[in-house]
Amino acid sequence: QSQLVESGGGLVQPGGSLRLSCVASGFSLRNHAVGWFRQAPGKEREGISCILSTGSRTKYADSVKGRFTVSRDNAKNTVYLQMDSLKPDDSATYFCVASRSLLLSACLETTEWTYEPVWGQGTPVTVSS
């Protein structure tokens, strides 16, 4: 069974940091692109960041650029999202998704993730004082 499991979410104060993990089981992330999306109540799903397999090239949404960093550890079959300088507007459930044949230029759009995607169930993040 191909599966992704996100972890690391929780409650954090504004300005704080969290590191989310996306762990794959049943398949290897080595040759997969991985995206991070988030969805807050009443809002549409928003693409946050992507990391490709070849060269680990990355892309970030303007809303998180400079604050979030995506990385991968293929030996651990894991992709991370380091979130710094968190703001209340960052509060959402964060999802990771893995797929192949991704275009970096479009990886923040959900419509790009159509080639046998594997989605995680999400981990909630709440930024509040």
N, C-alpha and C. Protein backbone atom coordinates (compact mmCIF):
# COMPACT_ATOMS: atom_id res chain seq x y z
N GLN A 1 0.83 -1.19 0.00
CA GLN A 1 0.00 0.00 0.00
C GLN A 1 0.88 1.25 0.00
N SER A 2 0.67 2.09 -0.98
CA SER A 2 1.38 3.36 -1.04
C SER A 2 0.69 4.35 -0.09
N GLN A 3 1.48 4.94 0.77
CA GLN A 3 0.90 5.80 1.79
C GLN A 3 1.87 6.90 2.17
N LEU A 4 1.33 8.07 2.47
CA LEU A 4 2.07 9.18 3.03
C LEU A 4 1.44 9.56 4.36
N VAL A 5 2.28 9.82 5.34
CA VAL A 5 1.81 10.21 6.66
C VAL A 5 2.54 11.47 7.08
N GLU A 6 1.77 12.52 7.35
CA GLU A 6 2.33 13.77 7.83
C GLU A 6 2.34 13.77 9.36
N SER A 7 3.32 14.43 9.92
CA SER A 7 3.39 14.59 11.36
C SER A 7 4.15 15.87 11.68
N GLY A 8 4.10 16.28 12.93
CA GLY A 8 4.83 17.44 13.38
C GLY A 8 3.98 18.67 13.62
N GLY A 9 2.71 18.61 13.28
CA GLY A 9 1.84 19.74 13.51
C GLY A 9 1.51 19.90 14.98
N GLY A 10 0.88 21.01 15.29
CA GLY A 10 0.51 21.29 16.65
C GLY A 10 0.25 22.76 16.85
N LEU A 11 0.27 23.16 18.11
CA LEU A 11 0.04 24.54 18.50
C LEU A 11 1.38 25.24 18.71
N VAL A 12 1.53 26.40 18.10
CA VAL A 12 2.76 27.16 18.22
C VAL A 12 2.41 28.64 18.29
N GLN A 13 3.23 29.40 18.99
CA GLN A 13 3.02 30.83 19.10
C GLN A 13 3.47 31.55 17.84
N PRO A 14 2.88 32.70 17.55
CA PRO A 14 3.37 33.50 16.42
C PRO A 14 4.86 33.77 16.55
N GLY A 15 5.55 33.64 15.44
CA GLY A 15 7.00 33.79 15.43
C GLY A 15 7.75 32.51 15.70
N GLY A 16 7.04 31.48 16.10
CA GLY A 16 7.67 30.21 16.40
C GLY A 16 7.93 29.38 15.17
N SER A 17 8.40 28.17 15.40
CA SER A 17 8.78 27.27 14.32
C SER A 17 8.21 25.88 14.54
N LEU A 18 7.97 25.20 13.44
CA LEU A 18 7.59 23.80 13.43
C LEU A 18 8.27 23.14 12.25
N ARG A 19 8.53 21.86 12.39
CA ARG A 19 9.02 21.08 11.27
C ARG A 19 8.05 19.93 11.02
N LEU A 20 7.46 19.94 9.85
CA LEU A 20 6.57 18.88 9.44
C LEU A 20 7.33 17.80 8.70
N SER A 21 6.91 16.58 8.88
CA SER A 21 7.50 15.45 8.19
C SER A 21 6.46 14.76 7.33
N CYS A 22 6.90 14.28 6.20
CA CYS A 22 6.06 13.51 5.30
C CYS A 22 6.80 12.22 5.01
N VAL A 23 6.32 11.13 5.57
CA VAL A 23 7.01 9.85 5.48
C VAL A 23 6.24 8.93 4.54
N ALA A 24 6.94 8.37 3.59
CA ALA A 24 6.34 7.47 2.63
C ALA A 24 6.54 6.02 3.06
N SER A 25 5.54 5.21 2.79
CA SER A 25 5.64 3.78 2.99
C SER A 25 5.01 3.08 1.80
N GLY A 26 5.57 1.94 1.44
CA GLY A 26 5.08 1.21 0.30
C GLY A 26 5.63 1.65 -1.03
N PHE A 27 6.38 2.72 -1.06
CA PHE A 27 7.02 3.20 -2.28
C PHE A 27 8.16 4.12 -1.88
N SER A 28 8.98 4.46 -2.85
CA SER A 28 10.15 5.31 -2.60
C SER A 28 9.88 6.73 -3.08
N LEU A 29 10.25 7.69 -2.25
CA LEU A 29 10.16 9.09 -2.64
C LEU A 29 11.32 9.55 -3.50
N ARG A 30 12.29 8.71 -3.68
CA ARG A 30 13.51 9.11 -4.37
C ARG A 30 13.23 9.64 -5.77
N ASN A 31 12.30 9.02 -6.48
CA ASN A 31 11.98 9.44 -7.83
C ASN A 31 10.62 10.12 -7.93
N HIS A 32 10.18 10.70 -6.85
CA HIS A 32 8.90 11.41 -6.80
C HIS A 32 9.11 12.87 -6.44
N ALA A 33 8.32 13.70 -7.05
CA ALA A 33 8.18 15.06 -6.57
C ALA A 33 7.21 15.08 -5.40
N VAL A 34 7.42 15.98 -4.47
CA VAL A 34 6.57 16.09 -3.30
C VAL A 34 6.11 17.53 -3.16
N GLY A 35 4.83 17.68 -2.92
CA GLY A 35 4.26 19.00 -2.70
C GLY A 35 3.65 19.10 -1.33
N TRP A 36 3.64 20.32 -0.84
CA TRP A 36 2.96 20.64 0.42
C TRP A 36 1.81 21.59 0.12
N PHE A 37 0.65 21.24 0.61
CA PHE A 37 -0.54 22.05 0.48
C PHE A 37 -1.13 22.27 1.86
N ARG A 38 -1.93 23.30 1.97
CA ARG A 38 -2.61 23.55 3.23
C ARG A 38 -4.03 24.02 2.95
N GLN A 39 -4.89 23.77 3.91
CA GLN A 39 -6.27 24.17 3.77
C GLN A 39 -6.81 24.58 5.14
N ALA A 40 -7.29 25.79 5.21
CA ALA A 40 -7.92 26.31 6.41
C ALA A 40 -9.43 26.25 6.24
N PRO A 41 -10.17 26.20 7.34
CA PRO A 41 -11.63 26.16 7.24
C PRO A 41 -12.17 27.32 6.43
N GLY A 42 -13.04 27.01 5.48
CA GLY A 42 -13.65 28.02 4.65
C GLY A 42 -12.79 28.54 3.53
N LYS A 43 -11.59 28.00 3.36
CA LYS A 43 -10.69 28.45 2.31
C LYS A 43 -10.35 27.29 1.38
N GLU A 44 -9.93 27.64 0.19
CA GLU A 44 -9.51 26.65 -0.78
C GLU A 44 -8.14 26.11 -0.44
N ARG A 45 -7.87 24.92 -0.94
CA ARG A 45 -6.55 24.34 -0.74
C ARG A 45 -5.49 25.18 -1.46
N GLU A 46 -4.41 25.44 -0.76
CA GLU A 46 -3.36 26.32 -1.24
C GLU A 46 -2.05 25.58 -1.35
N GLY A 47 -1.43 25.66 -2.50
CA GLY A 47 -0.10 25.10 -2.67
C GLY A 47 0.93 25.95 -1.98
N ILE A 48 1.79 25.32 -1.18
CA ILE A 48 2.77 26.03 -0.36
C ILE A 48 4.18 25.86 -0.90
N SER A 49 4.54 24.64 -1.20
CA SER A 49 5.91 24.36 -1.60
C SER A 49 5.97 23.04 -2.34
N CYS A 50 6.98 22.90 -3.18
CA CYS A 50 7.23 21.66 -3.90
C CYS A 50 8.73 21.40 -3.94
N ILE A 51 9.07 20.13 -4.01
CA ILE A 51 10.46 19.74 -4.21
C ILE A 51 10.47 18.61 -5.22
N LEU A 52 11.29 18.77 -6.24
CA LEU A 52 11.38 17.76 -7.28
C LEU A 52 12.39 16.69 -6.89
N SER A 53 12.36 15.60 -7.64
CA SER A 53 13.29 14.51 -7.37
C SER A 53 14.67 14.79 -7.94
N THR A 54 14.71 15.24 -9.19
CA THR A 54 15.98 15.51 -9.85
C THR A 54 16.54 16.85 -9.40
N GLY A 55 17.67 16.81 -8.72
CA GLY A 55 18.31 18.02 -8.26
C GLY A 55 17.64 18.68 -7.07
N SER A 56 16.55 18.13 -6.60
CA SER A 56 15.82 18.66 -5.45
C SER A 56 15.50 20.14 -5.62
N ARG A 57 15.13 20.53 -6.82
CA ARG A 57 14.71 21.90 -7.05
C ARG A 57 13.43 22.19 -6.28
N THR A 58 13.28 23.41 -5.84
CA THR A 58 12.17 23.77 -4.97
C THR A 58 11.42 24.97 -5.51
N LYS A 59 10.20 25.11 -5.04
CA LYS A 59 9.35 26.23 -5.38
C LYS A 59 8.50 26.56 -4.16
N TYR A 60 8.24 27.85 -3.96
CA TYR A 60 7.48 28.30 -2.81
C TYR A 60 6.42 29.31 -3.22
N ALA A 61 5.31 29.25 -2.52
CA ALA A 61 4.31 30.29 -2.68
C ALA A 61 4.82 31.59 -2.09
N ASP A 62 4.37 32.70 -2.65
CA ASP A 62 4.80 33.99 -2.16
C ASP A 62 4.47 34.18 -0.68
N SER A 63 3.39 33.57 -0.23
CA SER A 63 2.96 33.76 1.14
C SER A 63 3.90 33.14 2.17
N VAL A 64 4.74 32.20 1.74
CA VAL A 64 5.65 31.53 2.67
C VAL A 64 7.11 31.68 2.28
N LYS A 65 7.38 32.29 1.16
CA LYS A 65 8.75 32.41 0.68
C LYS A 65 9.61 33.16 1.69
N GLY A 66 10.76 32.59 1.98
CA GLY A 66 11.65 33.17 2.96
C GLY A 66 11.42 32.69 4.37
N ARG A 67 10.30 32.05 4.62
CA ARG A 67 9.98 31.55 5.95
C ARG A 67 9.95 30.03 6.02
N PHE A 68 9.55 29.38 4.94
CA PHE A 68 9.44 27.93 4.89
C PHE A 68 10.55 27.36 4.03
N THR A 69 11.01 26.17 4.39
CA THR A 69 12.03 25.48 3.63
C THR A 69 11.66 24.02 3.50
N VAL A 70 11.63 23.53 2.28
CA VAL A 70 11.33 22.13 2.03
C VAL A 70 12.63 21.41 1.71
N SER A 71 12.76 20.20 2.19
CA SER A 71 13.95 19.41 1.95
C SER A 71 13.56 17.94 1.95
N ARG A 72 14.46 17.13 1.49
CA ARG A 72 14.20 15.70 1.47
C ARG A 72 15.39 14.92 1.99
N ASP A 73 15.10 13.77 2.57
CA ASP A 73 16.10 12.82 3.01
C ASP A 73 15.68 11.48 2.43
N ASN A 74 16.23 11.17 1.29
CA ASN A 74 15.81 9.95 0.59
C ASN A 74 16.14 8.69 1.38
N ALA A 75 17.21 8.72 2.16
CA ALA A 75 17.56 7.56 2.97
C ALA A 75 16.49 7.25 3.99
N LYS A 76 15.79 8.28 4.45
CA LYS A 76 14.70 8.10 5.41
C LYS A 76 13.34 8.09 4.75
N ASN A 77 13.32 8.21 3.42
CA ASN A 77 12.07 8.22 2.67
C ASN A 77 11.13 9.29 3.20
N THR A 78 11.70 10.46 3.46
CA THR A 78 10.99 11.52 4.14
C THR A 78 11.26 12.86 3.48
N VAL A 79 10.24 13.67 3.42
CA VAL A 79 10.35 15.07 3.01
C VAL A 79 9.92 15.92 4.19
N TYR A 80 10.64 17.01 4.41
CA TYR A 80 10.38 17.89 5.53
C TYR A 80 9.91 19.26 5.04
N LEU A 81 9.15 19.91 5.89
CA LEU A 81 8.80 21.30 5.69
C LEU A 81 9.13 22.05 6.97
N GLN A 82 10.21 22.79 6.93
CA GLN A 82 10.61 23.62 8.05
C GLN A 82 9.88 24.94 7.96
N MET A 83 9.12 25.27 8.99
CA MET A 83 8.31 26.47 9.01
C MET A 83 8.81 27.38 10.12
N ASP A 84 9.30 28.53 9.74
CA ASP A 84 9.82 29.52 10.67
C ASP A 84 8.99 30.79 10.58
N SER A 85 9.12 31.61 11.60
CA SER A 85 8.41 32.90 11.65
C SER A 85 6.92 32.72 11.36
N LEU A 86 6.33 31.78 12.04
CA LEU A 86 4.94 31.43 11.76
C LEU A 86 3.99 32.56 12.13
N LYS A 87 2.95 32.69 11.34
CA LYS A 87 1.93 33.71 11.51
C LYS A 87 0.58 33.04 11.73
N PRO A 88 -0.36 33.74 12.35
CA PRO A 88 -1.69 33.15 12.51
C PRO A 88 -2.32 32.71 11.20
N ASP A 89 -2.04 33.42 10.12
CA ASP A 89 -2.59 33.03 8.82
C ASP A 89 -2.03 31.72 8.30
N ASP A 90 -0.98 31.22 8.92
CA ASP A 90 -0.44 29.91 8.54
C ASP A 90 -1.25 28.77 9.13
N SER A 91 -2.17 29.06 10.01
CA SER A 91 -2.98 28.01 10.62
C SER A 91 -3.81 27.29 9.56
N ALA A 92 -3.66 25.99 9.51
CA ALA A 92 -4.35 25.18 8.51
C ALA A 92 -3.97 23.73 8.75
N THR A 93 -4.64 22.86 8.03
CA THR A 93 -4.21 21.48 7.95
C THR A 93 -3.26 21.34 6.77
N TYR A 94 -2.10 20.79 7.01
CA TYR A 94 -1.07 20.68 5.99
C TYR A 94 -1.01 19.26 5.44
N PHE A 95 -1.01 19.16 4.13
CA PHE A 95 -0.99 17.90 3.42
C PHE A 95 0.27 17.80 2.57
N CYS A 96 0.79 16.61 2.45
CA CYS A 96 1.82 16.36 1.47
C CYS A 96 1.28 15.43 0.39
N VAL A 97 1.86 15.53 -0.79
CA VAL A 97 1.44 14.73 -1.92
C VAL A 97 2.68 14.37 -2.72
N ALA A 98 2.69 13.17 -3.24
CA ALA A 98 3.81 12.69 -4.04
C ALA A 98 3.32 12.23 -5.40
N SER A 99 4.11 12.50 -6.41
CA SER A 99 3.76 12.08 -7.76
C SER A 99 5.01 12.12 -8.63
N ARG A 100 4.85 11.66 -9.84
CA ARG A 100 5.90 11.73 -10.84
C ARG A 100 5.43 12.59 -11.99
N SER A 101 6.38 12.92 -12.87
CA SER A 101 6.10 13.74 -14.05
C SER A 101 5.53 15.10 -13.70
N LEU A 102 6.12 15.75 -12.74
CA LEU A 102 5.67 17.07 -12.29
C LEU A 102 6.46 18.17 -12.99
N LEU A 103 5.75 19.25 -13.28
CA LEU A 103 6.38 20.47 -13.77
C LEU A 103 6.57 21.41 -12.59
N LEU A 104 7.79 21.85 -12.38
CA LEU A 104 8.06 22.73 -11.27
C LEU A 104 7.24 24.01 -11.35
N SER A 105 7.06 24.52 -12.56
CA SER A 105 6.35 25.78 -12.73
C SER A 105 4.90 25.70 -12.30
N ALA A 106 4.33 24.50 -12.29
CA ALA A 106 2.92 24.34 -11.97
C ALA A 106 2.67 23.53 -10.71
N CYS A 107 3.69 23.25 -9.96
CA CYS A 107 3.56 22.30 -8.86
C CYS A 107 2.77 22.84 -7.67
N LEU A 108 2.47 24.12 -7.64
CA LEU A 108 1.65 24.68 -6.58
C LEU A 108 0.16 24.61 -6.91
N GLU A 109 -0.18 24.07 -8.05
CA GLU A 109 -1.56 23.94 -8.47
C GLU A 109 -2.00 22.49 -8.29
N THR A 110 -3.15 22.30 -7.69
CA THR A 110 -3.64 20.95 -7.45
C THR A 110 -3.85 20.17 -8.74
N THR A 111 -4.18 20.86 -9.83
CA THR A 111 -4.42 20.20 -11.10
C THR A 111 -3.17 19.56 -11.68
N GLU A 112 -2.01 19.93 -11.21
CA GLU A 112 -0.78 19.34 -11.68
C GLU A 112 -0.55 17.95 -11.09
N TRP A 113 -1.15 17.70 -9.96
CA TRP A 113 -0.93 16.45 -9.24
C TRP A 113 -1.98 15.41 -9.63
N THR A 114 -1.87 14.94 -10.86
CA THR A 114 -2.86 14.02 -11.41
C THR A 114 -2.29 12.68 -11.82
N TYR A 115 -0.97 12.56 -11.88
CA TYR A 115 -0.36 11.32 -12.32
C TYR A 115 -0.10 10.42 -11.11
N GLU A 116 -1.06 9.54 -10.84
CA GLU A 116 -0.98 8.58 -9.74
C GLU A 116 -0.51 9.24 -8.44
N PRO A 117 -1.19 10.27 -8.00
CA PRO A 117 -0.74 10.95 -6.79
C PRO A 117 -1.04 10.14 -5.53
N VAL A 118 -0.22 10.34 -4.55
CA VAL A 118 -0.43 9.79 -3.22
C VAL A 118 -0.54 10.96 -2.26
N TRP A 119 -1.67 11.07 -1.62
CA TRP A 119 -1.93 12.15 -0.67
C TRP A 119 -1.89 11.63 0.76
N GLY A 120 -1.36 12.44 1.65
CA GLY A 120 -1.45 12.15 3.06
C GLY A 120 -2.76 12.63 3.64
N GLN A 121 -2.99 12.31 4.89
CA GLN A 121 -4.23 12.67 5.56
C GLN A 121 -4.18 14.05 6.20
N GLY A 122 -3.01 14.60 6.34
CA GLY A 122 -2.87 15.95 6.86
C GLY A 122 -2.51 15.99 8.33
N THR A 123 -1.85 17.06 8.70
CA THR A 123 -1.53 17.34 10.09
C THR A 123 -1.89 18.79 10.39
N PRO A 124 -2.64 19.03 11.45
CA PRO A 124 -3.10 20.39 11.72
C PRO A 124 -2.02 21.25 12.38
N VAL A 125 -1.99 22.50 11.97
CA VAL A 125 -1.09 23.50 12.52
C VAL A 125 -1.92 24.68 12.98
N THR A 126 -1.74 25.06 14.22
CA THR A 126 -2.42 26.22 14.77
C THR A 126 -1.39 27.19 15.31
N VAL A 127 -1.42 28.41 14.79
CA VAL A 127 -0.51 29.46 15.22
C VAL A 127 -1.33 30.48 15.99
N SER A 128 -1.14 30.52 17.27
CA SER A 128 -1.95 31.39 18.12
C SER A 128 -1.22 31.65 19.42
N SER A 129 -1.44 32.83 19.97
CA SER A 129 -0.90 33.17 21.27
C SER A 129 -1.94 32.98 22.36
